[in-house]
C-alpha atoms as a PDB file:
ATOM      1  CA  UNK A   1     -30.722 -14.496  24.865  1.00  0.00           C
ATOM      2  CA  UNK A   2     -31.976 -11.127  25.824  1.00  0.00           C
ATOM      3  CA  UNK A   3     -29.127  -7.567  25.931  1.00  0.00           C
ATOM      4  CA  UNK A   4     -31.125  -4.765  28.437  1.00  0.00           C
ATOM      5  CA  UNK A   5     -31.274  -1.569  26.751  1.00  0.00           C
ATOM      6  CA  UNK A   6     -28.378  -0.374  28.885  1.00  0.00           C
ATOM      7  CA  UNK A   7     -26.314  -2.611  27.037  1.00  0.00           C
ATOM      8  CA  UNK A   8     -27.459  -2.236  23.936  1.00  0.00           C
ATOM      9  CA  UNK A   9     -27.088   1.702  24.145  1.00  0.00           C
ATOM     10  CA  UNK A  10     -23.077   0.646  25.276  1.00  0.00           C
ATOM     11  CA  UNK A  11     -23.370  -1.169  22.040  1.00  0.00           C
ATOM     12  CA  UNK A  12     -24.541   1.254  19.680  1.00  0.00           C
ATOM     13  CA  UNK A  13     -22.562   4.012  21.336  1.00  0.00           C
ATOM     14  CA  UNK A  14     -19.354   1.645  21.185  1.00  0.00           C
ATOM     15  CA  UNK A  15     -19.984   1.657  17.037  1.00  0.00           C
ATOM     16  CA  UNK A  16     -20.277   5.555  16.967  1.00  0.00           C
ATOM     17  CA  UNK A  17     -16.920   5.927  18.509  1.00  0.00           C
ATOM     18  CA  UNK A  18     -15.335   3.572  16.243  1.00  0.00           C
ATOM     19  CA  UNK A  19     -16.347   5.292  13.144  1.00  0.00           C
ATOM     20  CA  UNK A  20     -14.257   8.993  14.268  1.00  0.00           C
ATOM     21  CA  UNK A  21     -10.769   6.536  13.489  1.00  0.00           C
ATOM     22  CA  UNK A  22     -10.366   8.162  10.325  1.00  0.00           C
ATOM     23  CA  UNK A  23     -10.052  11.027  12.059  1.00  0.00           C
ATOM     24  CA  UNK A  24      -6.171  12.396  12.494  1.00  0.00           C
ATOM     25  CA  UNK A  25      -5.384  15.266  15.381  1.00  0.00           C
ATOM     26  CA  UNK A  26      -2.204  17.585  15.305  1.00  0.00           C
ATOM     27  CA  UNK A  27      -0.271  18.714  17.766  1.00  0.00           C
ATOM     28  CA  UNK A  28       1.173  22.251  18.307  1.00  0.00           C
ATOM     29  CA  UNK A  29       3.982  21.283  17.234  1.00  0.00           C
ATOM     30  CA  UNK A  30       4.237  21.931  13.461  1.00  0.00           C
ATOM     31  CA  UNK A  31       7.659  19.871  12.882  1.00  0.00           C
ATOM     32  CA  UNK A  32       5.834  16.303  14.283  1.00  0.00           C
ATOM     33  CA  UNK A  33       3.463  16.541  12.539  1.00  0.00           C
ATOM     34  CA  UNK A  34       3.419  13.965   9.691  1.00  0.00           C
ATOM     35  CA  UNK A  35       1.304  15.295   7.151  1.00  0.00           C
ATOM     36  CA  UNK A  36       2.340  12.613   5.030  1.00  0.00           C
ATOM     37  CA  UNK A  37      -0.892  10.699   4.900  1.00  0.00           C
ATOM     38  CA  UNK A  38      -3.064  12.901   3.585  1.00  0.00           C
ATOM     39  CA  UNK A  39      -3.564  11.813  -0.693  1.00  0.00           C
ATOM     40  CA  UNK A  40      -3.835  13.488  -3.804  1.00  0.00           C
ATOM     41  CA  UNK A  41      -7.934  13.806  -4.719  1.00  0.00           C
ATOM     42  CA  UNK A  42      -9.064  12.754  -2.145  1.00  0.00           C
ATOM     43  CA  UNK A  43     -11.326  15.246   0.385  1.00  0.00           C
ATOM     44  CA  UNK A  44     -10.986  16.174   3.636  1.00  0.00           C
ATOM     45  CA  UNK A  45     -12.435  18.707   6.032  1.00  0.00           C
ATOM     46  CA  UNK A  46     -10.103  20.471   8.245  1.00  0.00           C
ATOM     47  CA  UNK A  47     -10.414  21.796  11.835  1.00  0.00           C
ATOM     48  CA  UNK A  48      -9.276  24.788  11.865  1.00  0.00           C
ATOM     49  CA  UNK A  49      -6.971  25.600  15.458  1.00  0.00           C
ATOM     50  CA  UNK A  50      -8.992  28.409  17.945  1.00  0.00           C
ATOM     51  CA  UNK A  51     -12.097  28.560  15.583  1.00  0.00           C
ATOM     52  CA  UNK A  52     -15.336  26.169  15.138  1.00  0.00           C
ATOM     53  CA  UNK A  53     -14.784  26.285  11.751  1.00  0.00           C
ATOM     54  CA  UNK A  54     -14.678  23.240   9.612  1.00  0.00           C
ATOM     55  CA  UNK A  55     -12.947  24.069   6.115  1.00  0.00           C
ATOM     56  CA  UNK A  56     -13.612  20.714   3.665  1.00  0.00           C
ATOM     57  CA  UNK A  57     -11.652  20.636   0.027  1.00  0.00           C
ATOM     58  CA  UNK A  58     -10.238  17.699  -2.332  1.00  0.00           C
ATOM     59  CA  UNK A  59      -6.363  17.930  -1.625  1.00  0.00           C
ATOM     60  CA  UNK A  60      -3.170  18.196  -3.818  1.00  0.00           C
ATOM     61  CA  UNK A  61      -0.787  19.260  -2.510  1.00  0.00           C
ATOM     62  CA  UNK A  62       1.372  20.325   0.461  1.00  0.00           C
ATOM     63  CA  UNK A  63       4.242  22.834   0.645  1.00  0.00           C
ATOM     64  CA  UNK A  64       6.852  23.601   3.186  1.00  0.00           C
ATOM     65  CA  UNK A  65       4.048  25.288   5.086  1.00  0.00           C
ATOM     66  CA  UNK A  66       1.213  24.915   3.723  1.00  0.00           C
ATOM     67  CA  UNK A  67      -2.067  22.449   2.426  1.00  0.00           C
ATOM     68  CA  UNK A  68      -4.113  23.177  -0.735  1.00  0.00           C
ATOM     69  CA  UNK A  69      -6.921  22.487  -2.826  1.00  0.00           C
ATOM     70  CA  UNK A  70      -9.539  22.981  -3.651  1.00  0.00           C
ATOM     71  CA  UNK A  71     -13.398  23.625  -3.101  1.00  0.00           C
ATOM     72  CA  UNK A  72     -15.267  20.508  -5.156  1.00  0.00           C
ATOM     73  CA  UNK A  73     -13.761  18.739  -8.107  1.00  0.00           C
ATOM     74  CA  UNK A  74     -16.133  20.616 -10.365  1.00  0.00           C
ATOM     75  CA  UNK A  75     -15.066  24.469  -8.793  1.00  0.00           C
ATOM     76  CA  UNK A  76     -11.617  25.539  -9.336  1.00  0.00           C
ATOM     77  CA  UNK A  77     -12.092  27.464  -6.150  1.00  0.00           C
ATOM     78  CA  UNK A  78      -7.854  26.933  -4.691  1.00  0.00           C
ATOM     79  CA  UNK A  79      -7.842  26.917  -0.653  1.00  0.00           C
ATOM     80  CA  UNK A  80      -4.899  26.894   0.300  1.00  0.00           C
ATOM     81  CA  UNK A  81      -4.643  26.621   4.936  1.00  0.00           C
ATOM     82  CA  UNK A  82      -1.238  27.577   7.000  1.00  0.00           C
ATOM     83  CA  UNK A  83      -0.251  23.612   8.311  1.00  0.00           C
ATOM     84  CA  UNK A  84       0.504  25.838  11.762  1.00  0.00           C
ATOM     85  CA  UNK A  85      -3.433  26.307  12.102  1.00  0.00           C
ATOM     86  CA  UNK A  86      -4.656  22.722  10.822  1.00  0.00           C
ATOM     87  CA  UNK A  87      -5.771  21.392  14.677  1.00  0.00           C
ATOM     88  CA  UNK A  88      -7.617  17.646  12.859  1.00  0.00           C
ATOM     89  CA  UNK A  89      -7.995  15.838   9.137  1.00  0.00           C
ATOM     90  CA  UNK A  90     -10.618  14.142   8.133  1.00  0.00           C
ATOM     91  CA  UNK A  91     -11.269  11.344   5.823  1.00  0.00           C
ATOM     92  CA  UNK A  92     -14.558  12.306   4.537  1.00  0.00           C
ATOM     93  CA  UNK A  93     -15.185   9.338   2.647  1.00  0.00           C
ATOM     94  CA  UNK A  94     -13.826   6.558   5.434  1.00  0.00           C
ATOM     95  CA  UNK A  95     -15.485   8.754   7.351  1.00  0.00           C
ATOM     96  CA  UNK A  96     -19.116   8.143   5.689  1.00  0.00           C
ATOM     97  CA  UNK A  97     -17.915   4.720   4.559  1.00  0.00           C
ATOM     98  CA  UNK A  98     -16.813   3.376   8.167  1.00  0.00           C
ATOM     99  CA  UNK A  99     -20.311   5.211   9.692  1.00  0.00           C
ATOM    100  CA  UNK A 100     -22.534   3.515   7.502  1.00  0.00           C
ATOM    101  CA  UNK A 101     -20.444  -0.340   7.516  1.00  0.00           C
ATOM    102  CA  UNK A 102     -20.753   0.322  11.963  1.00  0.00           C
ATOM    103  CA  UNK A 103     -24.556   1.699  11.237  1.00  0.00           C
ATOM    104  CA  UNK A 104     -25.268  -1.727   8.518  1.00  0.00           C
ATOM    105  CA  UNK A 105     -23.303  -4.624  11.062  1.00  0.00           C
ATOM    106  CA  UNK A 106     -25.872  -2.208  14.580  1.00  0.00           C
ATOM    107  CA  UNK A 107     -28.578  -3.124  12.280  1.00  0.00           C
ATOM    108  CA  UNK A 108     -27.713  -6.667  11.948  1.00  0.00           C
ATOM    109  CA  UNK A 109     -26.785  -6.856  15.890  1.00  0.00           C
ATOM    110  CA  UNK A 110     -30.312  -5.649  16.726  1.00  0.00           C
ATOM    111  CA  UNK A 111     -31.859  -7.890  14.141  1.00  0.00           C
ATOM    112  CA  UNK A 112     -30.502 -10.941  15.295  1.00  0.00           C
ATOM    113  CA  UNK A 113     -30.948 -10.197  19.165  1.00  0.00           C
ATOM    114  CA  UNK A 114     -35.226  -9.204  18.211  1.00  0.00           C
ATOM    115  CA  UNK A 115     -35.468 -12.388  16.151  1.00  0.00           C
ATOM    116  CA  UNK A 116     -33.723 -15.007  18.236  1.00  0.00           C
ATOM    117  CA  UNK A 117     -35.319 -13.212  20.997  1.00  0.00           C
ATOM    118  CA  UNK A 118     -39.104 -14.107  19.675  1.00  0.00           C
ATOM    119  CA  UNK A 119     -38.228 -17.185  18.834  1.00  0.00           C
ATOM    120  CA  UNK A 120     -37.450 -18.434  22.045  1.00  0.00           C
ATOM    121  CA  UNK A 121     -40.474 -16.164  23.530  1.00  0.00           C
ATOM    122  CA  UNK A 122     -42.562 -18.370  21.233  1.00  0.00           C
ATOM    123  CA  UNK A 123     -41.275 -22.174  22.396  1.00  0.00           C
END
């Protein structure tokens, strides 16, 4: 079984699209947003509305209108973001693990496809 280059490209693109599942997007209505999926002690990156800036932090807790965290585990600089300014959040560890898993899977599928094509060529 031999896959064309376009089929391989589609499979590879699909793996990278699925790796973005660690992102949670929020709406403009702050009352609809559910920040309860954020877990204390985990690193997150937050994209802010009306800005291309991304803030990375080690999440600590929520207040009525803010998300509070620290810049890193070793640096105790406190960061406070207004919930109304957050467009999306991404769990950094989960995203890295998912991306690595998809890349490993894609490499495995490619290795099987290449070895199968070489085996059938030798027959």
